[in-house]
């Protein structure tokens, strides 16, 4: 196996999905882990100073990232975790776009990445291998194409309380983000999530 294949093999031992995409002369190892009631990756909150605390990622993603990063470093490659626990909160990298490019899934009508096995339940994170170009694992294109997994289903579009979904796109990101609510004085956040919880592929 070549270097990229070795990395993907190890990544799939730790995560539910993995692929490689390119980014400005670097290689991105895009990883997916499915959220579930027993492994709630959507457990996060914002404190009084406005900082996000990704409890679900800290508990379930961080140990896996550490192990994979160590594996890649032992191969002699310069690697670093992207953002916080692999998630770029600052928005400088679109992980959904890179996941599609890496072949982890396709865009769904809910404007999320649809994976054949896990539907929209994959939460994405990434490691960056700097100054290294590995073969990409997908088509290398971020195309909003008709997804055969979605077929004629419009469950996500029908369920959107803000009415901002059209097939494969969010028409108003600000309106979508308005459906994030602070539920208590500790800043615990409850996301809308209807667009992926109603998806038949996510159940």
N, C-alpha and C. Protein backbone atom coordinates (compact mmCIF):
# COMPACT_ATOMS: atom_id res chain seq x y z
N UNK A 1 0.84 -1.20 0.00
CA UNK A 1 0.00 0.00 0.00
C UNK A 1 0.88 1.25 0.00
N UNK A 2 0.38 2.31 -0.65
CA UNK A 2 1.12 3.55 -0.63
C UNK A 2 0.79 4.34 0.64
N UNK A 3 1.42 5.50 0.79
CA UNK A 3 1.28 6.29 2.02
C UNK A 3 -0.17 6.67 2.29
N UNK A 4 -0.84 7.16 1.27
CA UNK A 4 -2.24 7.56 1.43
C UNK A 4 -3.12 6.40 1.85
N UNK A 5 -2.91 5.24 1.24
CA UNK A 5 -3.71 4.07 1.58
C UNK A 5 -3.46 3.62 3.01
N UNK A 6 -2.23 3.70 3.46
CA UNK A 6 -1.92 3.35 4.85
C UNK A 6 -2.62 4.27 5.82
N UNK A 7 -2.65 5.55 5.50
CA UNK A 7 -3.31 6.52 6.37
C UNK A 7 -4.82 6.26 6.42
N UNK A 8 -5.42 6.00 5.27
CA UNK A 8 -6.86 5.75 5.21
C UNK A 8 -7.21 4.46 5.97
N UNK A 9 -6.39 3.43 5.84
CA UNK A 9 -6.65 2.18 6.54
C UNK A 9 -6.66 2.40 8.05
N UNK A 10 -5.68 3.15 8.55
CA UNK A 10 -5.62 3.44 9.98
C UNK A 10 -6.78 4.35 10.40
N UNK A 11 -7.10 5.32 9.54
CA UNK A 11 -8.21 6.23 9.85
C UNK A 11 -9.53 5.49 9.97
N UNK A 12 -9.76 4.51 9.12
CA UNK A 12 -11.01 3.76 9.15
C UNK A 12 -11.07 2.79 10.33
N UNK A 13 -9.94 2.53 10.94
CA UNK A 13 -9.94 1.75 12.18
C UNK A 13 -10.49 2.59 13.33
N UNK A 14 -10.31 3.90 13.23
CA UNK A 14 -10.67 4.81 14.31
C UNK A 14 -11.97 5.57 14.06
N UNK A 15 -12.28 5.82 12.79
CA UNK A 15 -13.43 6.64 12.42
C UNK A 15 -14.38 5.84 11.53
N UNK A 16 -15.56 6.39 11.29
CA UNK A 16 -16.55 5.71 10.46
C UNK A 16 -16.36 5.98 8.98
N UNK A 17 -15.69 7.06 8.63
CA UNK A 17 -15.45 7.39 7.22
C UNK A 17 -14.16 8.19 7.14
N UNK A 18 -13.47 8.09 6.01
CA UNK A 18 -12.22 8.82 5.83
C UNK A 18 -11.92 9.00 4.35
N UNK A 19 -11.28 10.09 4.03
CA UNK A 19 -10.88 10.36 2.66
C UNK A 19 -9.80 11.42 2.64
N UNK A 20 -9.22 11.65 1.47
CA UNK A 20 -8.16 12.63 1.33
C UNK A 20 -8.56 13.65 0.27
N UNK A 21 -8.43 14.92 0.62
CA UNK A 21 -8.68 16.02 -0.31
C UNK A 21 -7.44 16.91 -0.34
N UNK A 22 -7.39 17.79 -1.33
CA UNK A 22 -6.25 18.70 -1.48
C UNK A 22 -6.65 20.10 -1.04
N UNK A 23 -5.66 20.86 -0.54
CA UNK A 23 -5.92 22.24 -0.16
C UNK A 23 -4.63 23.03 -0.20
N UNK A 24 -4.44 23.80 -1.27
CA UNK A 24 -3.32 24.74 -1.40
C UNK A 24 -1.96 24.09 -1.14
N UNK A 25 -1.70 22.99 -1.78
CA UNK A 25 -0.41 22.32 -1.65
C UNK A 25 -0.30 21.39 -0.46
N UNK A 26 -1.34 21.34 0.36
CA UNK A 26 -1.39 20.41 1.49
C UNK A 26 -2.38 19.30 1.20
N UNK A 27 -2.33 18.25 2.00
CA UNK A 27 -3.33 17.19 1.94
C UNK A 27 -4.18 17.25 3.20
N UNK A 28 -5.48 17.13 3.03
CA UNK A 28 -6.40 17.09 4.16
C UNK A 28 -6.93 15.67 4.32
N UNK A 29 -6.77 15.12 5.51
CA UNK A 29 -7.40 13.84 5.82
C UNK A 29 -8.76 14.19 6.43
N UNK A 30 -9.81 13.97 5.66
CA UNK A 30 -11.17 14.29 6.10
C UNK A 30 -11.74 13.06 6.79
N UNK A 31 -12.26 13.25 7.98
CA UNK A 31 -12.74 12.15 8.81
C UNK A 31 -14.19 12.35 9.19
N UNK A 32 -14.91 11.26 9.31
CA UNK A 32 -16.31 11.33 9.72
C UNK A 32 -16.59 10.35 10.84
N UNK A 33 -17.31 10.82 11.84
CA UNK A 33 -17.74 9.97 12.95
C UNK A 33 -19.23 10.20 13.13
N UNK A 34 -19.99 9.13 13.22
CA UNK A 34 -21.44 9.25 13.30
C UNK A 34 -21.89 9.63 14.71
N UNK A 35 -22.75 10.62 14.80
CA UNK A 35 -23.34 10.98 16.08
C UNK A 35 -24.49 10.05 16.40
N UNK A 36 -24.74 9.82 17.68
CA UNK A 36 -25.81 8.93 18.12
C UNK A 36 -26.16 9.28 19.55
N UNK A 37 -27.25 8.75 20.09
CA UNK A 37 -27.58 9.04 21.50
C UNK A 37 -26.45 8.63 22.46
N UNK A 38 -25.75 7.56 22.15
CA UNK A 38 -24.66 7.11 23.01
C UNK A 38 -23.35 7.84 22.74
N UNK A 39 -23.27 8.52 21.62
CA UNK A 39 -22.06 9.25 21.25
C UNK A 39 -22.50 10.58 20.64
N UNK A 40 -22.92 11.48 21.53
CA UNK A 40 -23.52 12.74 21.11
C UNK A 40 -22.44 13.74 20.73
N UNK A 41 -22.16 13.84 19.45
CA UNK A 41 -21.15 14.78 18.98
C UNK A 41 -21.70 16.19 18.85
N UNK A 42 -23.00 16.34 19.04
CA UNK A 42 -23.62 17.67 18.98
C UNK A 42 -23.76 18.28 20.37
N UNK A 43 -23.07 17.72 21.34
CA UNK A 43 -23.07 18.27 22.70
C UNK A 43 -22.02 19.38 22.77
N UNK A 44 -22.48 20.62 22.69
CA UNK A 44 -21.56 21.75 22.79
C UNK A 44 -22.30 22.93 23.41
N UNK A 45 -21.54 23.88 23.92
CA UNK A 45 -22.15 25.07 24.49
C UNK A 45 -21.20 26.26 24.35
N UNK A 46 -21.75 27.45 24.50
CA UNK A 46 -20.95 28.66 24.45
C UNK A 46 -21.00 29.33 25.81
N UNK A 47 -19.83 29.65 26.36
CA UNK A 47 -19.78 30.21 27.70
C UNK A 47 -20.06 31.71 27.68
N UNK A 48 -19.99 32.32 28.84
CA UNK A 48 -20.34 33.74 28.97
C UNK A 48 -19.39 34.65 28.19
N UNK A 49 -18.21 34.16 27.89
CA UNK A 49 -17.24 34.93 27.12
C UNK A 49 -17.36 34.69 25.61
N UNK A 50 -18.33 33.86 25.23
CA UNK A 50 -18.57 33.60 23.82
C UNK A 50 -17.77 32.47 23.23
N UNK A 51 -17.00 31.74 24.07
CA UNK A 51 -16.20 30.63 23.57
C UNK A 51 -17.02 29.35 23.51
N UNK A 52 -16.83 28.61 22.42
CA UNK A 52 -17.52 27.33 22.26
C UNK A 52 -16.75 26.23 22.99
N UNK A 53 -17.47 25.34 23.63
CA UNK A 53 -16.90 24.15 24.26
C UNK A 53 -17.54 22.93 23.59
N UNK A 54 -16.74 22.19 22.86
CA UNK A 54 -17.23 21.05 22.09
C UNK A 54 -17.10 19.78 22.93
N UNK A 55 -18.03 19.59 23.84
CA UNK A 55 -17.95 18.45 24.76
C UNK A 55 -17.95 17.11 24.04
N UNK A 56 -18.84 16.97 23.06
CA UNK A 56 -18.92 15.71 22.33
C UNK A 56 -17.65 15.41 21.58
N UNK A 57 -17.08 16.42 20.94
CA UNK A 57 -15.83 16.23 20.21
C UNK A 57 -14.68 15.93 21.17
N UNK A 58 -14.65 16.62 22.31
CA UNK A 58 -13.58 16.40 23.28
C UNK A 58 -13.59 14.96 23.79
N UNK A 59 -14.78 14.43 24.01
CA UNK A 59 -14.89 13.09 24.59
C UNK A 59 -14.64 11.99 23.56
N UNK A 60 -15.16 12.17 22.36
CA UNK A 60 -15.17 11.06 21.40
C UNK A 60 -14.23 11.24 20.21
N UNK A 61 -13.96 12.48 19.84
CA UNK A 61 -13.13 12.73 18.66
C UNK A 61 -11.66 12.91 19.02
N UNK A 62 -11.39 13.69 20.07
CA UNK A 62 -10.01 14.03 20.42
C UNK A 62 -9.10 12.81 20.59
N UNK A 63 -9.52 11.76 21.31
CA UNK A 63 -8.61 10.60 21.45
C UNK A 63 -8.31 9.92 20.13
N UNK A 64 -9.28 9.88 19.24
CA UNK A 64 -9.07 9.26 17.93
C UNK A 64 -8.13 10.12 17.08
N UNK A 65 -8.33 11.43 17.12
CA UNK A 65 -7.45 12.32 16.37
C UNK A 65 -6.01 12.20 16.85
N UNK A 66 -5.84 12.15 18.16
CA UNK A 66 -4.51 12.04 18.73
C UNK A 66 -3.81 10.77 18.23
N UNK A 67 -4.54 9.67 18.22
CA UNK A 67 -3.95 8.40 17.79
C UNK A 67 -3.59 8.42 16.31
N UNK A 68 -4.48 9.01 15.48
CA UNK A 68 -4.20 9.06 14.05
C UNK A 68 -3.05 10.04 13.76
N UNK A 69 -3.05 11.16 14.45
CA UNK A 69 -1.97 12.13 14.25
C UNK A 69 -0.61 11.52 14.63
N UNK A 70 -0.59 10.77 15.70
CA UNK A 70 0.65 10.09 16.11
C UNK A 70 1.10 9.10 15.05
N UNK A 71 0.15 8.35 14.49
CA UNK A 71 0.45 7.37 13.44
C UNK A 71 1.08 8.05 12.23
N UNK A 72 0.52 9.20 11.83
CA UNK A 72 1.02 9.91 10.65
C UNK A 72 2.40 10.51 10.93
N UNK A 73 2.60 11.03 12.13
CA UNK A 73 3.91 11.58 12.50
C UNK A 73 4.98 10.51 12.47
N UNK A 74 4.63 9.30 12.88
CA UNK A 74 5.59 8.20 12.88
C UNK A 74 5.96 7.78 11.46
N UNK A 75 5.14 8.20 10.48
CA UNK A 75 5.47 7.97 9.08
C UNK A 75 6.42 9.04 8.55
N UNK A 76 6.74 10.03 9.39
CA UNK A 76 7.65 11.09 8.99
C UNK A 76 6.99 12.25 8.29
N UNK A 77 5.66 12.37 8.41
CA UNK A 77 4.93 13.44 7.73
C UNK A 77 4.55 14.55 8.70
N UNK A 78 4.64 15.81 8.26
CA UNK A 78 4.26 16.94 9.11
C UNK A 78 2.73 17.08 9.16
N UNK A 79 2.12 16.82 10.30
CA UNK A 79 0.67 16.80 10.39
C UNK A 79 0.20 17.62 11.58
N UNK A 80 -0.95 18.24 11.44
CA UNK A 80 -1.53 19.02 12.53
C UNK A 80 -3.04 18.91 12.48
N UNK A 81 -3.66 19.04 13.64
CA UNK A 81 -5.12 19.01 13.72
C UNK A 81 -5.67 20.34 13.25
N UNK A 82 -6.70 20.30 12.44
CA UNK A 82 -7.35 21.52 11.95
C UNK A 82 -8.28 22.05 13.03
N UNK A 83 -8.19 23.34 13.32
CA UNK A 83 -9.14 23.99 14.24
C UNK A 83 -9.19 23.36 15.62
N UNK A 84 -10.38 23.26 16.18
CA UNK A 84 -10.60 22.69 17.52
C UNK A 84 -11.11 21.27 17.35
N UNK A 85 -10.30 20.31 17.80
CA UNK A 85 -10.66 18.90 17.66
C UNK A 85 -10.98 18.55 16.21
N UNK A 86 -10.24 19.16 15.29
CA UNK A 86 -10.44 18.86 13.87
C UNK A 86 -11.53 19.66 13.20
N UNK A 87 -12.18 20.56 13.96
CA UNK A 87 -13.31 21.32 13.40
C UNK A 87 -12.95 22.80 13.33
N UNK A 88 -12.93 23.38 12.13
CA UNK A 88 -12.55 24.79 11.96
C UNK A 88 -13.71 25.74 12.26
N UNK A 89 -13.91 26.06 13.53
CA UNK A 89 -15.02 26.94 13.90
C UNK A 89 -14.92 28.31 13.25
N UNK A 90 -13.71 28.74 12.94
CA UNK A 90 -13.55 30.07 12.36
C UNK A 90 -14.10 30.16 10.94
N UNK A 91 -14.38 29.02 10.33
CA UNK A 91 -15.01 29.03 9.01
C UNK A 91 -14.04 29.18 7.85
N UNK A 92 -12.72 29.04 8.09
CA UNK A 92 -11.77 29.22 7.00
C UNK A 92 -11.69 27.99 6.09
N UNK A 93 -12.33 26.91 6.50
CA UNK A 93 -12.31 25.70 5.70
C UNK A 93 -13.70 25.07 5.75
N UNK A 94 -14.25 24.78 4.58
CA UNK A 94 -15.57 24.17 4.50
C UNK A 94 -15.39 22.65 4.48
N UNK A 95 -15.61 22.01 5.62
CA UNK A 95 -15.39 20.56 5.71
C UNK A 95 -16.39 19.78 4.88
N UNK A 96 -17.61 20.27 4.76
CA UNK A 96 -18.59 19.57 3.93
C UNK A 96 -18.12 19.53 2.47
N UNK A 97 -17.64 20.64 1.99
CA UNK A 97 -17.13 20.71 0.62
C UNK A 97 -15.96 19.74 0.44
N UNK A 98 -15.04 19.74 1.40
CA UNK A 98 -13.87 18.87 1.29
C UNK A 98 -14.26 17.39 1.42
N UNK A 99 -15.29 17.10 2.22
CA UNK A 99 -15.74 15.72 2.35
C UNK A 99 -16.31 15.21 1.03
N UNK A 100 -17.03 16.07 0.31
CA UNK A 100 -17.55 15.69 -1.00
C UNK A 100 -16.39 15.48 -1.97
N UNK A 101 -15.42 16.39 -1.94
CA UNK A 101 -14.25 16.24 -2.81
C UNK A 101 -13.49 14.94 -2.53
N UNK A 102 -13.46 14.53 -1.24
CA UNK A 102 -12.72 13.33 -0.84
C UNK A 102 -13.51 12.05 -1.06
N UNK A 103 -14.77 12.17 -1.49
CA UNK A 103 -15.57 10.98 -1.79
C UNK A 103 -16.23 10.35 -0.59
N UNK A 104 -16.30 11.07 0.55
CA UNK A 104 -16.96 10.52 1.73
C UNK A 104 -18.48 10.47 1.53
N UNK A 105 -18.99 11.35 0.72
CA UNK A 105 -20.42 11.35 0.43
C UNK A 105 -20.73 12.39 -0.63
N UNK A 106 -22.01 12.59 -0.87
CA UNK A 106 -22.47 13.61 -1.80
C UNK A 106 -23.35 14.60 -1.05
N UNK A 107 -23.52 15.78 -1.66
CA UNK A 107 -24.46 16.72 -1.08
C UNK A 107 -25.86 16.11 -1.07
N UNK A 108 -26.57 16.28 0.02
CA UNK A 108 -27.97 15.87 0.08
C UNK A 108 -28.87 17.07 -0.12
N UNK A 109 -30.14 16.82 -0.26
CA UNK A 109 -31.09 17.92 -0.42
C UNK A 109 -31.15 18.80 0.83
N UNK A 110 -30.67 18.29 1.96
CA UNK A 110 -30.64 19.08 3.18
C UNK A 110 -29.36 19.92 3.28
N UNK A 111 -28.58 19.98 2.20
CA UNK A 111 -27.33 20.75 2.14
C UNK A 111 -26.29 20.22 3.13
N UNK A 112 -26.42 18.95 3.49
CA UNK A 112 -25.42 18.27 4.30
C UNK A 112 -24.83 17.13 3.48
N UNK A 113 -23.72 16.60 3.96
CA UNK A 113 -23.10 15.48 3.26
C UNK A 113 -23.87 14.20 3.59
N UNK A 114 -24.30 13.51 2.57
CA UNK A 114 -25.03 12.25 2.72
C UNK A 114 -24.06 11.10 2.45
N UNK A 115 -23.90 10.26 3.44
CA UNK A 115 -23.07 9.08 3.32
C UNK A 115 -23.97 7.86 3.15
N UNK A 116 -23.56 6.90 2.33
CA UNK A 116 -24.42 5.75 2.03
C UNK A 116 -24.80 4.96 3.28
N UNK A 117 -23.88 4.86 4.22
CA UNK A 117 -24.15 4.05 5.41
C UNK A 117 -24.76 4.85 6.56
N UNK A 118 -24.31 6.09 6.73
CA UNK A 118 -24.71 6.85 7.92
C UNK A 118 -25.62 8.03 7.62
N UNK A 119 -26.00 8.21 6.37
CA UNK A 119 -26.86 9.33 6.03
C UNK A 119 -26.19 10.65 6.39
N UNK A 120 -26.93 11.52 7.13
CA UNK A 120 -26.39 12.83 7.53
C UNK A 120 -25.85 12.81 8.95
N UNK A 121 -25.65 11.63 9.54
CA UNK A 121 -25.22 11.56 10.94
C UNK A 121 -23.70 11.74 11.12
N UNK A 122 -22.95 11.77 10.01
CA UNK A 122 -21.52 11.95 10.14
C UNK A 122 -21.20 13.38 10.57
N UNK A 123 -20.36 13.51 11.59
CA UNK A 123 -19.81 14.80 11.95
C UNK A 123 -18.37 14.80 11.47
N UNK A 124 -17.96 15.89 10.85
CA UNK A 124 -16.71 15.93 10.11
C UNK A 124 -15.61 16.63 10.89
N UNK A 125 -14.39 16.17 10.68
CA UNK A 125 -13.21 16.77 11.27
C UNK A 125 -12.02 16.49 10.33
N UNK A 126 -10.88 17.13 10.57
CA UNK A 126 -9.80 17.00 9.61
C UNK A 126 -8.42 17.13 10.25
N UNK A 127 -7.47 16.46 9.65
CA UNK A 127 -6.04 16.66 9.91
C UNK A 127 -5.42 17.22 8.63
N UNK A 128 -4.45 18.12 8.80
CA UNK A 128 -3.76 18.70 7.65
C UNK A 128 -2.32 18.17 7.61
N UNK A 129 -1.95 17.58 6.48
CA UNK A 129 -0.57 17.16 6.25
C UNK A 129 0.06 18.22 5.36
N UNK A 130 0.95 19.02 5.94
CA UNK A 130 1.45 20.20 5.25
C UNK A 130 2.54 19.86 4.24
N UNK A 131 2.55 20.67 3.17
CA UNK A 131 3.56 20.55 2.11
C UNK A 131 3.68 19.12 1.58
N UNK A 132 2.56 18.44 1.54
CA UNK A 132 2.53 17.05 1.09
C UNK A 132 1.31 16.85 0.20
N UNK A 133 1.52 16.31 -0.97
CA UNK A 133 0.41 16.06 -1.89
C UNK A 133 0.21 14.55 -2.01
N UNK A 134 -0.87 14.06 -1.40
CA UNK A 134 -1.23 12.65 -1.50
C UNK A 134 -2.36 12.49 -2.51
N UNK A 135 -2.50 11.34 -3.12
CA UNK A 135 -3.60 11.12 -4.06
C UNK A 135 -4.95 11.32 -3.36
N UNK A 136 -5.82 12.09 -3.98
CA UNK A 136 -7.15 12.28 -3.40
C UNK A 136 -7.97 11.01 -3.59
N UNK A 137 -8.96 10.82 -2.72
CA UNK A 137 -9.73 9.58 -2.74
C UNK A 137 -11.07 9.72 -3.45
N UNK A 138 -11.46 10.94 -3.79
CA UNK A 138 -12.73 11.16 -4.49
C UNK A 138 -12.47 11.75 -5.85
N UNK A 139 -13.48 12.44 -6.38
CA UNK A 139 -13.36 13.05 -7.70
C UNK A 139 -12.67 14.40 -7.65
N UNK A 140 -12.47 14.93 -6.42
CA UNK A 140 -11.80 16.21 -6.29
C UNK A 140 -12.66 17.39 -6.71
N UNK A 141 -13.97 17.18 -6.80
CA UNK A 141 -14.87 18.24 -7.21
C UNK A 141 -15.97 18.41 -6.17
N UNK A 142 -16.34 19.65 -5.93
CA UNK A 142 -17.44 19.96 -5.03
C UNK A 142 -18.65 20.30 -5.88
N UNK A 143 -19.37 19.29 -6.30
CA UNK A 143 -20.47 19.49 -7.23
C UNK A 143 -21.82 19.20 -6.56
N UNK A 144 -22.73 20.15 -6.67
CA UNK A 144 -24.08 19.95 -6.14
C UNK A 144 -24.91 19.23 -7.21
N UNK A 145 -24.67 17.94 -7.32
CA UNK A 145 -25.34 17.14 -8.35
C UNK A 145 -26.53 16.40 -7.75
N UNK A 146 -27.38 15.94 -8.60
CA UNK A 146 -28.52 15.13 -8.15
C UNK A 146 -27.99 13.89 -7.44
N UNK A 147 -28.46 13.68 -6.22
CA UNK A 147 -27.99 12.56 -5.42
C UNK A 147 -29.00 11.42 -5.54
N UNK A 148 -28.59 10.27 -6.10
CA UNK A 148 -29.54 9.16 -6.26
C UNK A 148 -30.07 8.64 -4.93
N UNK A 149 -29.36 8.89 -3.82
CA UNK A 149 -29.84 8.46 -2.52
C UNK A 149 -31.05 9.27 -2.07
N UNK A 150 -31.13 10.50 -2.54
CA UNK A 150 -32.26 11.37 -2.16
C UNK A 150 -33.51 11.08 -3.01
N UNK A 151 -33.29 10.69 -4.24
CA UNK A 151 -34.39 10.38 -5.18
C UNK A 151 -35.45 11.47 -5.15
N UNK A 152 -36.71 11.10 -4.94
CA UNK A 152 -37.80 12.08 -4.93
C UNK A 152 -38.16 12.54 -3.54
N UNK A 153 -37.35 12.18 -2.54
CA UNK A 153 -37.64 12.53 -1.15
C UNK A 153 -37.48 14.04 -0.92
N UNK A 154 -38.40 14.63 -0.19
CA UNK A 154 -38.31 16.04 0.18
C UNK A 154 -38.56 16.22 1.68
N UNK A 155 -38.29 15.17 2.47
CA UNK A 155 -38.58 15.22 3.90
C UNK A 155 -37.87 16.38 4.59
N UNK A 156 -36.61 16.60 4.25
CA UNK A 156 -35.85 17.67 4.90
C UNK A 156 -36.39 19.05 4.51
N UNK A 157 -36.72 19.20 3.24
CA UNK A 157 -37.24 20.49 2.76
C UNK A 157 -38.58 20.79 3.40
N UNK A 158 -39.43 19.77 3.49
CA UNK A 158 -40.76 19.96 4.08
C UNK A 158 -40.68 20.26 5.57
N UNK A 159 -39.64 19.74 6.25
CA UNK A 159 -39.54 19.89 7.70
C UNK A 159 -38.84 21.17 8.13
N UNK A 160 -38.19 21.87 7.22
CA UNK A 160 -37.42 23.06 7.59
C UNK A 160 -38.34 24.15 8.13
N UNK A 161 -38.21 24.52 9.42
CA UNK A 161 -39.11 25.52 10.00
C UNK A 161 -38.87 26.91 9.45
N UNK A 162 -37.68 27.16 8.92
CA UNK A 162 -37.37 28.48 8.38
C UNK A 162 -37.67 28.59 6.89
N UNK A 163 -37.95 27.46 6.25
CA UNK A 163 -38.26 27.47 4.82
C UNK A 163 -37.09 27.92 3.95
N UNK A 164 -35.87 27.60 4.38
CA UNK A 164 -34.70 28.09 3.65
C UNK A 164 -33.99 27.00 2.84
N UNK A 165 -34.57 25.81 2.78
CA UNK A 165 -33.96 24.73 2.00
C UNK A 165 -34.60 24.61 0.63
N UNK A 166 -33.74 24.53 -0.37
CA UNK A 166 -34.15 24.02 -1.67
C UNK A 166 -33.18 22.91 -1.99
N UNK A 167 -33.48 22.03 -2.94
CA UNK A 167 -32.62 20.87 -3.13
C UNK A 167 -31.14 21.22 -3.24
N UNK A 168 -30.37 20.71 -2.26
CA UNK A 168 -28.91 20.79 -2.22
C UNK A 168 -28.35 22.16 -1.83
N UNK A 169 -29.22 23.10 -1.46
CA UNK A 169 -28.75 24.43 -1.09
C UNK A 169 -29.55 24.99 0.08
N UNK A 170 -28.89 25.85 0.87
CA UNK A 170 -29.58 26.69 1.85
C UNK A 170 -29.69 28.07 1.23
N UNK A 171 -30.89 28.57 1.12
CA UNK A 171 -31.11 29.85 0.43
C UNK A 171 -30.80 31.05 1.31
N UNK A 172 -30.84 30.86 2.64
CA UNK A 172 -30.58 31.97 3.56
C UNK A 172 -29.88 31.41 4.80
N UNK A 173 -28.56 31.50 4.81
CA UNK A 173 -27.79 30.92 5.92
C UNK A 173 -28.08 31.62 7.24
N UNK A 174 -28.32 32.91 7.20
CA UNK A 174 -28.62 33.63 8.44
C UNK A 174 -29.92 33.15 9.06
N UNK A 175 -30.91 32.90 8.23
CA UNK A 175 -32.19 32.40 8.75
C UNK A 175 -32.03 31.01 9.32
N UNK A 176 -31.19 30.21 8.70
CA UNK A 176 -30.94 28.86 9.21
C UNK A 176 -30.25 28.94 10.57
N UNK A 177 -29.25 29.75 10.68
CA UNK A 177 -28.52 29.88 11.93
C UNK A 177 -29.39 30.48 13.03
N UNK A 178 -30.46 31.15 12.67
CA UNK A 178 -31.36 31.72 13.68
C UNK A 178 -32.10 30.63 14.44
N UNK A 179 -32.06 29.41 13.93
CA UNK A 179 -32.73 28.31 14.61
C UNK A 179 -31.82 27.61 15.62
N UNK A 180 -30.74 28.29 16.00
CA UNK A 180 -29.90 27.84 17.10
C UNK A 180 -30.34 28.61 18.33
N UNK A 181 -30.74 27.90 19.38
CA UNK A 181 -31.31 28.54 20.55
C UNK A 181 -30.45 28.27 21.79
N UNK A 182 -30.34 29.29 22.64
CA UNK A 182 -29.68 29.13 23.94
C UNK A 182 -30.76 28.71 24.93
N UNK A 183 -30.58 27.53 25.51
CA UNK A 183 -31.68 26.95 26.29
C UNK A 183 -31.56 27.16 27.79
N UNK A 184 -30.41 27.58 28.29
CA UNK A 184 -30.33 27.85 29.72
C UNK A 184 -29.22 28.86 30.01
N UNK A 185 -29.08 29.22 31.25
CA UNK A 185 -28.15 30.28 31.60
C UNK A 185 -26.69 29.87 31.45
N UNK A 186 -26.44 28.57 31.29
CA UNK A 186 -25.07 28.10 31.09
C UNK A 186 -24.67 28.13 29.61
N UNK A 187 -25.58 28.57 28.76
CA UNK A 187 -25.27 28.66 27.35
C UNK A 187 -25.41 27.37 26.58
N UNK A 188 -26.06 26.38 27.17
CA UNK A 188 -26.28 25.12 26.47
C UNK A 188 -27.08 25.39 25.21
N UNK A 189 -26.65 24.80 24.11
CA UNK A 189 -27.26 25.10 22.81
C UNK A 189 -28.04 23.88 22.30
N UNK A 190 -29.21 24.15 21.79
CA UNK A 190 -29.98 23.13 21.11
C UNK A 190 -30.14 23.54 19.65
N UNK A 191 -29.62 22.73 18.75
CA UNK A 191 -29.73 23.05 17.32
C UNK A 191 -31.06 22.55 16.78
N UNK A 192 -31.49 23.15 15.69
CA UNK A 192 -32.75 22.75 15.05
C UNK A 192 -32.68 21.27 14.63
N UNK A 193 -31.72 20.95 13.78
CA UNK A 193 -31.43 19.56 13.38
C UNK A 193 -32.53 18.84 12.60
N UNK A 194 -33.64 19.50 12.34
CA UNK A 194 -34.74 18.77 11.68
C UNK A 194 -34.37 18.27 10.30
N UNK A 195 -33.52 19.02 9.60
CA UNK A 195 -33.19 18.65 8.22
C UNK A 195 -32.45 17.32 8.13
N UNK A 196 -31.77 16.92 9.20
CA UNK A 196 -31.10 15.62 9.12
C UNK A 196 -31.80 14.55 9.95
N UNK A 197 -32.51 14.94 11.02
CA UNK A 197 -33.19 13.92 11.84
C UNK A 197 -34.38 13.30 11.10
N UNK A 198 -35.00 14.05 10.17
CA UNK A 198 -36.13 13.49 9.42
C UNK A 198 -35.66 12.71 8.20
N UNK A 199 -34.38 12.79 7.90
CA UNK A 199 -33.86 12.10 6.70
C UNK A 199 -33.94 10.58 6.90
N UNK A 200 -34.63 9.88 6.01
CA UNK A 200 -34.74 8.41 6.15
C UNK A 200 -33.38 7.72 6.18
N UNK A 201 -32.39 8.30 5.54
CA UNK A 201 -31.06 7.69 5.48
C UNK A 201 -30.30 7.83 6.78
N UNK A 202 -30.75 8.73 7.67
CA UNK A 202 -30.05 8.98 8.92
C UNK A 202 -30.58 8.16 10.07
N UNK A 203 -31.64 7.39 9.85
CA UNK A 203 -32.28 6.67 10.94
C UNK A 203 -31.65 5.30 11.14
